[in-house]
N, C-alpha and C. Protein backbone atom coordinates (compact mmCIF):
# COMPACT_ATOMS: atom_id res chain seq x y z
N UNK A 1 0.66 -1.47 -0.38
CA UNK A 1 0.48 -0.09 0.23
C UNK A 1 0.63 0.87 0.26
N UNK A 2 0.52 2.29 -0.81
CA UNK A 2 1.62 3.06 -0.98
C UNK A 2 1.31 3.97 0.72
N UNK A 3 2.43 4.46 1.23
CA UNK A 3 2.38 5.59 2.24
C UNK A 3 1.31 6.50 2.50
N UNK A 4 1.39 7.27 0.90
CA UNK A 4 0.13 7.91 1.10
C UNK A 4 -1.31 7.60 1.95
N UNK A 5 -1.47 6.69 1.20
CA UNK A 5 -2.63 5.73 1.17
C UNK A 5 -2.78 5.31 3.16
N UNK A 6 -1.74 4.78 2.91
CA UNK A 6 -1.57 4.77 4.52
C UNK A 6 -1.92 5.95 5.94
N UNK A 7 -1.09 6.74 5.30
CA UNK A 7 -1.31 7.75 6.09
C UNK A 7 -2.93 8.55 6.23
N UNK A 8 -3.83 8.53 5.22
CA UNK A 8 -4.88 8.66 5.34
C UNK A 8 -5.24 7.99 6.76
N UNK A 9 -4.90 6.66 6.73
CA UNK A 9 -5.77 5.46 7.62
C UNK A 9 -6.81 4.86 6.73
N UNK A 10 -7.70 3.72 7.25
CA UNK A 10 -8.43 2.79 6.63
C UNK A 10 -9.89 3.47 6.28
N UNK A 11 -9.72 2.78 5.21
CA UNK A 11 -11.57 3.56 4.06
C UNK A 11 -12.34 3.11 5.16
N UNK A 12 -12.88 3.85 5.57
CA UNK A 12 -14.03 3.36 6.17
C UNK A 12 -15.31 2.77 5.63
N UNK A 13 -15.68 3.25 4.77
CA UNK A 13 -16.70 2.94 3.38
C UNK A 13 -16.86 1.38 2.52
N UNK A 14 -15.66 1.21 3.13
CA UNK A 14 -15.70 -0.73 2.50
C UNK A 14 -16.23 -2.33 3.83
N UNK A 15 -16.19 -2.90 3.53
CA UNK A 15 -17.16 -3.67 4.63
C UNK A 15 -18.02 -3.23 4.89
N UNK A 16 -17.95 -3.66 6.07
CA UNK A 16 -18.74 -3.09 6.90
C UNK A 16 -19.46 -1.58 7.30
N UNK A 17 -18.13 -0.72 6.70
CA UNK A 17 -18.83 0.42 7.05
C UNK A 17 -19.24 0.65 5.87
N UNK A 18 -19.47 0.43 5.01
CA UNK A 18 -20.12 0.45 3.89
C UNK A 18 -21.51 0.41 4.39
N UNK A 19 -22.13 -0.48 5.20
CA UNK A 19 -23.57 -0.71 5.89
C UNK A 19 -24.03 0.46 6.81
N UNK A 20 -22.38 0.48 7.43
CA UNK A 20 -22.48 1.65 8.27
C UNK A 20 -22.83 3.30 7.04
N UNK A 21 -22.55 3.33 6.51
CA UNK A 21 -22.83 4.56 5.98
C UNK A 21 -24.02 4.53 5.09
N UNK A 22 -24.63 3.19 4.96
CA UNK A 22 -26.09 3.23 4.59
C UNK A 22 -27.33 3.43 5.44
N UNK A 23 -26.74 2.72 6.71
CA UNK A 23 -27.59 2.66 7.50
C UNK A 23 -27.45 4.19 8.36
N UNK A 24 -26.67 5.36 8.56
CA UNK A 24 -26.23 6.36 9.28
C UNK A 24 -27.38 7.19 7.91
N UNK A 25 -27.06 7.34 6.95
CA UNK A 25 -27.67 8.31 5.77
C UNK A 25 -29.13 7.92 5.88
N UNK A 26 -29.67 7.10 5.88
CA UNK A 26 -31.34 6.41 6.01
C UNK A 26 -31.99 7.04 7.19
N UNK A 27 -31.10 6.86 8.90
CA UNK A 27 -31.20 7.60 9.61
C UNK A 27 -31.22 9.02 9.90
N UNK A 28 -29.99 9.50 8.82
CA UNK A 28 -30.30 10.73 8.80
C UNK A 28 -31.67 12.25 8.17
N UNK A 29 -31.94 11.23 7.51
CA UNK A 29 -33.12 11.02 6.16
C UNK A 29 -34.11 11.19 7.25
N UNK A 30 -34.30 9.60 7.76
CA UNK A 30 -35.57 9.73 8.02
C UNK A 30 -35.67 10.83 9.29
N UNK A 31 -35.00 10.81 10.42
CA UNK A 31 -34.96 11.48 11.61
C UNK A 31 -34.97 13.37 10.92
N UNK A 32 -34.05 14.10 10.59
CA UNK A 32 -34.06 14.77 9.70
C UNK A 32 -35.37 15.14 9.32
N UNK A 33 -35.87 14.40 8.68
CA UNK A 33 -37.59 14.78 7.54
C UNK A 33 -38.07 14.81 8.62
N UNK A 34 -38.63 14.07 9.75
CA UNK A 34 -40.05 13.41 10.78
C UNK A 34 -39.34 15.40 11.68
N UNK A 35 -38.09 15.30 12.25
CA UNK A 35 -38.42 16.65 13.17
C UNK A 35 -38.20 17.86 12.27
N UNK A 36 -37.62 18.10 11.15
CA UNK A 36 -38.39 19.00 10.12
C UNK A 36 -40.12 19.89 10.18
N UNK A 37 -40.41 18.67 9.88
CA UNK A 37 -42.32 18.64 9.66
C UNK A 37 -42.59 18.70 11.72
N UNK A 38 -41.96 18.39 12.52
CA UNK A 38 -42.83 18.05 13.68
C UNK A 38 -42.87 19.62 14.12
N UNK A 39 -41.45 20.19 13.72
CA UNK A 39 -41.11 21.41 14.50
C UNK A 39 -41.80 22.56 13.95
N UNK A 40 -41.84 21.99 12.52
CA UNK A 40 -42.27 23.57 12.13
C UNK A 40 -43.84 23.42 11.73
N UNK A 41 -44.51 22.13 11.96
CA UNK A 41 -45.74 21.37 12.10
C UNK A 41 -46.63 21.23 14.15
N UNK A 42 -45.93 21.09 14.67
CA UNK A 42 -46.21 20.75 15.72
C UNK A 42 -45.72 21.09 17.24
N UNK A 43 -44.98 21.64 17.21
CA UNK A 43 -43.55 22.41 18.06
C UNK A 43 -44.20 22.51 19.04
N UNK A 44 -45.22 23.23 19.48
CA UNK A 44 -45.78 23.65 20.29
C UNK A 44 -46.35 21.72 21.31
N UNK A 45 -46.74 21.00 20.72
CA UNK A 45 -47.50 20.00 21.27
C UNK A 45 -46.24 18.87 21.90
N UNK A 46 -44.93 18.56 21.69
CA UNK A 46 -43.66 18.39 22.25
C UNK A 46 -42.80 19.06 21.97
N UNK A 47 -42.12 20.21 22.21
CA UNK A 47 -41.09 20.76 21.49
C UNK A 47 -39.67 20.11 22.07
N UNK A 48 -39.30 19.88 23.06
CA UNK A 48 -38.31 18.10 23.59
C UNK A 48 -37.94 17.10 22.69
N UNK A 49 -38.96 16.70 22.49
CA UNK A 49 -39.22 15.42 21.54
C UNK A 49 -38.27 15.56 20.14
N UNK A 50 -38.99 17.08 19.95
CA UNK A 50 -39.10 17.18 18.75
C UNK A 50 -37.44 18.16 18.66
N UNK A 51 -36.96 18.72 19.40
CA UNK A 51 -35.34 18.94 19.41
C UNK A 51 -34.84 17.88 19.27
N UNK A 52 -35.00 17.32 20.22
CA UNK A 52 -34.17 16.09 20.11
C UNK A 52 -34.25 15.08 19.36
N UNK A 53 -35.14 14.76 18.24
CA UNK A 53 -35.28 13.85 17.11
C UNK A 53 -34.40 14.76 16.19
N UNK A 54 -34.38 15.90 16.25
CA UNK A 54 -33.47 16.99 14.99
C UNK A 54 -31.77 16.66 15.93
N UNK A 55 -31.93 16.75 16.54
CA UNK A 55 -30.11 16.85 17.69
C UNK A 55 -29.90 15.69 16.88
N UNK A 56 -30.62 14.14 17.16
CA UNK A 56 -30.29 13.05 16.36
C UNK A 56 -30.29 13.16 15.45
N UNK A 57 -31.14 13.90 14.33
CA UNK A 57 -30.12 14.05 13.04
C UNK A 57 -29.32 14.27 12.90
N UNK A 58 -28.92 15.18 12.99
CA UNK A 58 -27.41 16.41 12.85
C UNK A 58 -27.19 14.86 13.62
N UNK A 59 -26.46 14.65 14.80
CA UNK A 59 -25.49 13.63 15.06
C UNK A 59 -25.20 13.00 13.63
N UNK A 60 -26.58 11.90 13.35
CA UNK A 60 -26.23 11.22 12.09
C UNK A 60 -25.74 11.47 11.49
N UNK A 61 -26.09 12.45 10.92
CA UNK A 61 -25.40 13.33 9.57
C UNK A 61 -23.76 13.53 9.71
N UNK A 62 -23.62 13.94 10.67
CA UNK A 62 -22.53 14.49 11.22
C UNK A 62 -21.52 12.75 10.85
N UNK A 63 -21.87 11.93 11.70
CA UNK A 63 -21.71 10.55 11.77
C UNK A 63 -20.95 10.00 9.83
N UNK A 64 -22.46 9.82 9.49
CA UNK A 64 -22.41 10.09 8.22
C UNK A 64 -21.43 10.70 6.92
N UNK A 65 -21.16 11.46 7.20
CA UNK A 65 -19.96 12.98 6.58
C UNK A 65 -18.62 11.95 7.13
N UNK A 66 -18.34 12.01 8.47
CA UNK A 66 -17.24 11.52 8.92
C UNK A 66 -17.19 10.19 8.21
N UNK A 67 -18.17 8.73 8.26
CA UNK A 67 -17.17 7.92 7.63
C UNK A 67 -17.25 7.56 6.10
N UNK A 68 -17.97 8.96 5.49
CA UNK A 68 -17.70 8.77 3.47
C UNK A 68 -16.52 9.52 3.84
N UNK A 69 -16.05 10.53 4.46
CA UNK A 69 -14.50 11.01 4.27
C UNK A 69 -14.15 10.73 4.32
N UNK A 70 -13.79 9.19 5.28
CA UNK A 70 -13.04 8.44 5.93
C UNK A 70 -11.38 9.08 6.61
N UNK A 71 -10.25 8.84 6.77
CA UNK A 71 -9.14 9.39 7.00
C UNK A 71 -9.03 8.72 8.89
N UNK A 72 -8.14 9.15 9.09
CA UNK A 72 -8.53 8.70 10.93
C UNK A 72 -8.51 9.70 11.46
N UNK A 73 -8.26 10.82 11.35
CA UNK A 73 -8.77 12.25 11.71
C UNK A 73 -10.65 11.69 11.78
N UNK A 74 -10.68 11.73 10.18
CA UNK A 74 -12.71 11.62 10.20
C UNK A 74 -13.43 10.33 11.27
N UNK A 75 -12.08 9.49 11.06
CA UNK A 75 -12.44 8.06 12.05
C UNK A 75 -12.20 8.60 13.48
N UNK A 76 -11.67 9.26 13.55
CA UNK A 76 -11.60 9.83 15.52
C UNK A 76 -13.11 10.90 16.04
N UNK A 77 -12.98 10.95 14.74
CA UNK A 77 -14.36 12.25 15.20
C UNK A 77 -15.68 11.45 14.92
N UNK A 78 -15.61 10.63 14.38
CA UNK A 78 -17.31 9.68 13.88
C UNK A 78 -16.58 8.70 15.33
N UNK A 79 -15.73 8.36 15.49
CA UNK A 79 -15.72 8.01 16.74
C UNK A 79 -16.27 8.59 18.42
N UNK A 80 -16.16 9.46 18.57
CA UNK A 80 -16.73 10.47 19.59
C UNK A 80 -17.75 10.08 19.53
N UNK A 81 -18.29 10.54 17.80
CA UNK A 81 -20.21 11.10 17.35
C UNK A 81 -20.81 9.99 18.02
N UNK A 82 -20.00 9.33 17.77
CA UNK A 82 -20.70 7.07 17.96
C UNK A 82 -20.19 7.23 19.42
N UNK A 83 -20.00 7.70 19.95
CA UNK A 83 -20.09 7.46 21.39
C UNK A 83 -21.03 8.88 22.45
N UNK A 84 -20.56 10.10 21.45
CA UNK A 84 -21.66 10.60 22.43
C UNK A 84 -23.69 10.77 21.85
N UNK A 85 -23.40 9.48 20.97
CA UNK A 85 -24.73 9.57 20.18
C UNK A 85 -25.42 8.74 21.19
N UNK A 86 -24.91 7.40 21.94
CA UNK A 86 -24.63 6.37 22.36
C UNK A 86 -25.38 6.64 23.76
N UNK A 87 -24.58 7.57 24.33
CA UNK A 87 -24.83 7.82 25.44
C UNK A 87 -26.60 8.93 25.70
N UNK A 88 -26.36 9.93 24.54
CA UNK A 88 -27.55 10.29 23.93
C UNK A 88 -29.15 9.26 23.99
N UNK A 89 -29.19 8.08 23.21
CA UNK A 89 -29.79 6.99 23.29
C UNK A 89 -29.82 6.31 24.92
N UNK A 90 -28.74 5.96 25.24
CA UNK A 90 -29.19 5.83 27.00
C UNK A 90 -29.85 6.81 28.01
N UNK A 91 -29.77 7.75 27.54
CA UNK A 91 -29.90 8.87 28.25
C UNK A 91 -31.57 8.91 28.40
N UNK A 92 -32.07 9.24 26.51
CA UNK A 92 -33.04 9.59 26.79
C UNK A 92 -33.80 8.77 26.45
N UNK A 93 -33.74 7.76 26.22
CA UNK A 93 -33.66 6.05 26.59
C UNK A 93 -34.96 5.57 27.89
N UNK A 94 -33.66 6.35 29.15
CA UNK A 94 -33.81 5.68 30.13
C UNK A 94 -35.18 7.36 30.83
N UNK A 95 -35.32 8.34 30.04
CA UNK A 95 -35.66 9.40 30.14
C UNK A 95 -37.21 9.29 30.66
N UNK A 96 -37.33 8.93 28.84
CA UNK A 96 -38.54 8.77 28.92
C UNK A 96 -39.29 7.53 29.08
N UNK A 97 -38.72 6.47 30.17
CA UNK A 97 -39.24 5.29 30.89
C UNK A 97 -39.13 6.00 32.29
N UNK A 98 -38.88 6.57 32.85
CA UNK A 98 -38.98 7.57 34.09
C UNK A 98 -39.68 8.64 34.08
N UNK A 99 -39.62 9.44 33.23
CA UNK A 99 -40.44 10.91 33.21
C UNK A 99 -41.37 10.78 32.03
N UNK A 100 -42.24 9.53 31.37
CA UNK A 100 -42.93 9.72 30.19
C UNK A 100 -43.82 10.93 30.02
N UNK A 101 -43.88 11.64 31.21
CA UNK A 101 -45.26 12.79 30.84
C UNK A 101 -44.34 13.96 30.06
N UNK A 102 -42.87 13.81 30.15
CA UNK A 102 -42.19 14.74 29.28
C UNK A 102 -41.89 14.24 27.93
N UNK A 103 -42.24 13.51 27.71
CA UNK A 103 -42.55 13.45 26.37
C UNK A 103 -43.92 12.89 26.17
N UNK A 104 -44.34 14.04 25.34
CA UNK A 104 -45.95 13.48 25.26
C UNK A 104 -46.12 13.00 23.57
N UNK A 105 -44.92 13.13 22.75
CA UNK A 105 -44.86 12.34 21.26
C UNK A 105 -43.48 11.81 21.64
N UNK A 106 -42.86 10.70 21.20
CA UNK A 106 -41.86 9.72 20.75
C UNK A 106 -40.45 10.47 19.55
N UNK A 107 -39.48 10.36 20.47
CA UNK A 107 -38.20 10.56 19.98
C UNK A 107 -37.66 9.89 19.07
N UNK A 108 -36.43 9.95 18.01
CA UNK A 108 -35.61 8.61 17.42
C UNK A 108 -35.51 7.97 18.49
N UNK A 109 -34.88 8.40 19.77
CA UNK A 109 -34.26 7.72 20.95
C UNK A 109 -35.65 7.24 21.97
N UNK A 110 -36.70 7.44 22.02
CA UNK A 110 -37.62 7.10 22.72
C UNK A 110 -37.48 6.03 22.89
N UNK A 111 -37.67 5.36 24.25
CA UNK A 111 -37.42 3.48 24.87
C UNK A 111 -36.25 3.13 23.47
N UNK A 112 -35.29 3.66 24.02
CA UNK A 112 -33.74 3.27 23.50
C UNK A 112 -34.03 2.71 22.13
N UNK A 113 -35.51 3.61 21.50
CA UNK A 113 -35.08 3.53 20.31
C UNK A 113 -35.94 2.38 19.55
N UNK A 114 -37.44 1.96 20.15
CA UNK A 114 -37.88 0.94 20.27
C UNK A 114 -38.87 1.20 18.81
N UNK A 115 -39.00 2.35 18.93
CA UNK A 115 -40.01 2.46 17.46
C UNK A 115 -39.39 2.58 16.30
N UNK A 116 -37.94 2.10 16.27
CA UNK A 116 -36.92 1.73 15.19
C UNK A 116 -36.31 0.65 15.12
N UNK A 117 -36.90 -0.24 15.99
CA UNK A 117 -36.54 -1.69 15.97
C UNK A 117 -35.24 -1.63 16.89
N UNK A 118 -34.84 -0.58 17.36
CA UNK A 118 -34.50 -0.78 18.83
C UNK A 118 -32.68 -0.26 17.48
N UNK A 119 -32.80 -0.12 16.23
CA UNK A 119 -31.95 0.31 15.31
C UNK A 119 -30.32 1.63 16.16
N UNK A 120 -31.85 2.65 17.02
CA UNK A 120 -31.11 3.82 17.17
C UNK A 120 -29.80 3.12 18.82
N UNK A 121 -29.59 1.92 18.96
CA UNK A 121 -29.55 1.26 20.73
C UNK A 121 -28.48 0.99 19.66
N UNK A 122 -28.80 0.19 18.75
CA UNK A 122 -27.68 -0.89 18.24
C UNK A 122 -26.22 -0.28 17.36
N UNK A 123 -27.38 1.11 16.74
CA UNK A 123 -26.39 2.02 15.58
C UNK A 123 -24.42 2.14 16.23
N UNK A 124 -24.92 2.72 17.58
CA UNK A 124 -23.59 3.13 17.82
C UNK A 124 -22.59 1.95 18.66
N UNK A 125 -23.27 1.06 19.20
CA UNK A 125 -22.73 0.20 19.48
C UNK A 125 -21.94 -0.28 18.55
N UNK A 126 -22.56 -0.77 17.36
CA UNK A 126 -21.77 -1.50 16.41
C UNK A 126 -21.15 -0.25 15.34
N UNK A 127 -21.15 0.93 15.38
CA UNK A 127 -20.47 2.07 14.71
C UNK A 127 -18.98 2.20 15.66
N UNK A 128 -18.62 1.79 16.93
CA UNK A 128 -17.99 1.69 17.75
C UNK A 128 -17.07 0.66 17.77
N UNK A 129 -17.17 -0.32 17.50
CA UNK A 129 -17.36 -1.44 17.29
C UNK A 129 -16.54 -1.77 16.06
N UNK A 130 -16.39 -0.92 14.94
CA UNK A 130 -16.13 -0.83 13.67
C UNK A 130 -15.03 -0.05 13.20
N UNK A 131 -15.29 1.60 14.25
CA UNK A 131 -14.20 2.29 14.16
C UNK A 131 -12.91 2.33 15.15
N UNK A 132 -13.08 1.04 15.78
CA UNK A 132 -11.80 0.38 17.16
C UNK A 132 -11.30 -0.47 16.16
N UNK A 133 -11.82 -1.15 15.37
CA UNK A 133 -11.39 -2.24 14.71
C UNK A 133 -10.83 -1.49 13.26
N UNK A 134 -11.03 -0.75 13.11
CA UNK A 134 -10.84 0.25 11.80
C UNK A 134 -9.65 0.70 11.80
N UNK A 135 -9.05 0.93 12.95
CA UNK A 135 -7.92 2.22 13.39
C UNK A 135 -6.85 0.96 12.69
N UNK A 136 -6.57 -0.34 12.80
CA UNK A 136 -5.41 -0.06 12.18
C UNK A 136 -5.91 -0.61 10.61
N UNK A 137 -4.58 0.20 9.93
CA UNK A 137 -4.66 -0.32 8.45
C UNK A 137 -4.42 -1.89 8.17
N UNK A 138 -5.39 -2.64 6.74
CA UNK A 138 -5.31 -3.52 6.37
C UNK A 138 -3.67 -3.83 6.84
N UNK A 139 -2.76 -3.75 6.40
CA UNK A 139 -1.44 -4.03 6.66
C UNK A 139 -0.95 -4.37 8.16
N UNK A 140 -1.66 -3.62 9.19
CA UNK A 140 -1.61 -4.10 10.33
C UNK A 140 -1.05 -2.68 10.79
N UNK A 141 -0.65 -2.33 10.62
CA UNK A 141 0.27 -0.84 10.61
C UNK A 141 -0.85 -0.07 11.46
N UNK A 142 0.06 0.68 13.50
CA UNK A 142 -1.01 1.09 14.25
C UNK A 142 -1.79 2.49 13.39
N UNK A 143 -2.67 3.22 13.74
CA UNK A 143 -3.53 4.38 13.62
C UNK A 143 -3.30 5.10 11.84
N UNK A 144 -3.17 3.75 10.87
CA UNK A 144 -3.38 3.67 9.56
C UNK A 144 -1.88 3.77 8.91
N UNK A 145 -1.12 3.44 9.90
CA UNK A 145 0.35 3.18 8.96
C UNK A 145 1.44 4.99 9.24
N UNK A 146 0.82 5.66 10.13
CA UNK A 146 2.01 6.26 10.25
C UNK A 146 3.34 6.24 11.04
N UNK A 147 4.18 6.88 10.84
CA UNK A 147 5.45 6.90 11.40
C UNK A 147 4.92 7.35 13.25
N UNK A 148 6.09 6.04 14.21
CA UNK A 148 5.82 5.69 15.46
C UNK A 148 6.38 6.94 15.49
N UNK A 149 6.14 8.15 17.07
CA UNK A 149 6.85 8.88 16.96
C UNK A 149 6.45 10.17 16.66
N UNK A 150 5.27 10.39 15.32
CA UNK A 150 5.79 11.18 14.52
C UNK A 150 4.26 11.66 14.73
N UNK A 151 3.99 12.57 15.41
CA UNK A 151 2.30 12.89 16.23
C UNK A 151 1.88 14.29 15.02
N UNK A 152 2.41 14.86 14.37
CA UNK A 152 1.71 16.05 13.91
C UNK A 152 1.87 15.21 12.26
N UNK A 153 2.12 13.88 12.23
CA UNK A 153 0.86 13.45 10.60
C UNK A 153 2.06 13.18 9.69
N UNK A 154 2.90 14.94 9.84
CA UNK A 154 4.02 15.01 8.44
C UNK A 154 5.09 13.92 8.20
N UNK A 155 5.64 14.05 6.67
CA UNK A 155 6.64 13.06 7.12
C UNK A 155 7.92 13.62 6.90
N UNK A 156 8.69 12.50 7.33
CA UNK A 156 10.27 12.66 7.46
C UNK A 156 11.49 12.73 6.74
């Protein structure tokens, strides 16, 4: 593999990464369109739920773009975003069970994503696992094959 390709890190758009890109893309469109409709037509009915759905859409979009962009920096951003997404799903999921009156209408993450067949809970876990695995380049070089001890990423 050429040094330039290794320096960019693994391609997150191949193998299971391609499925993740597709699923995150679908969830981006679904959550965004739902939240735009709800925010513009029914905001006063359940503002917290609709804003949280819009936030979920933004997280999904960020992860989708990071996965498509590829490279080590994008992988790290996607890893952090998947972690934040998992925290959001667990927090909102628990909140909707403990205090259902706070959510007169469901969010994407309500009841841990039960309305979406628990995909909102499984997706970040799968993303975290894939992104941690994708840290190594195909040739086994850590962190995409950068030069050890060269934190800046520039070639010496």
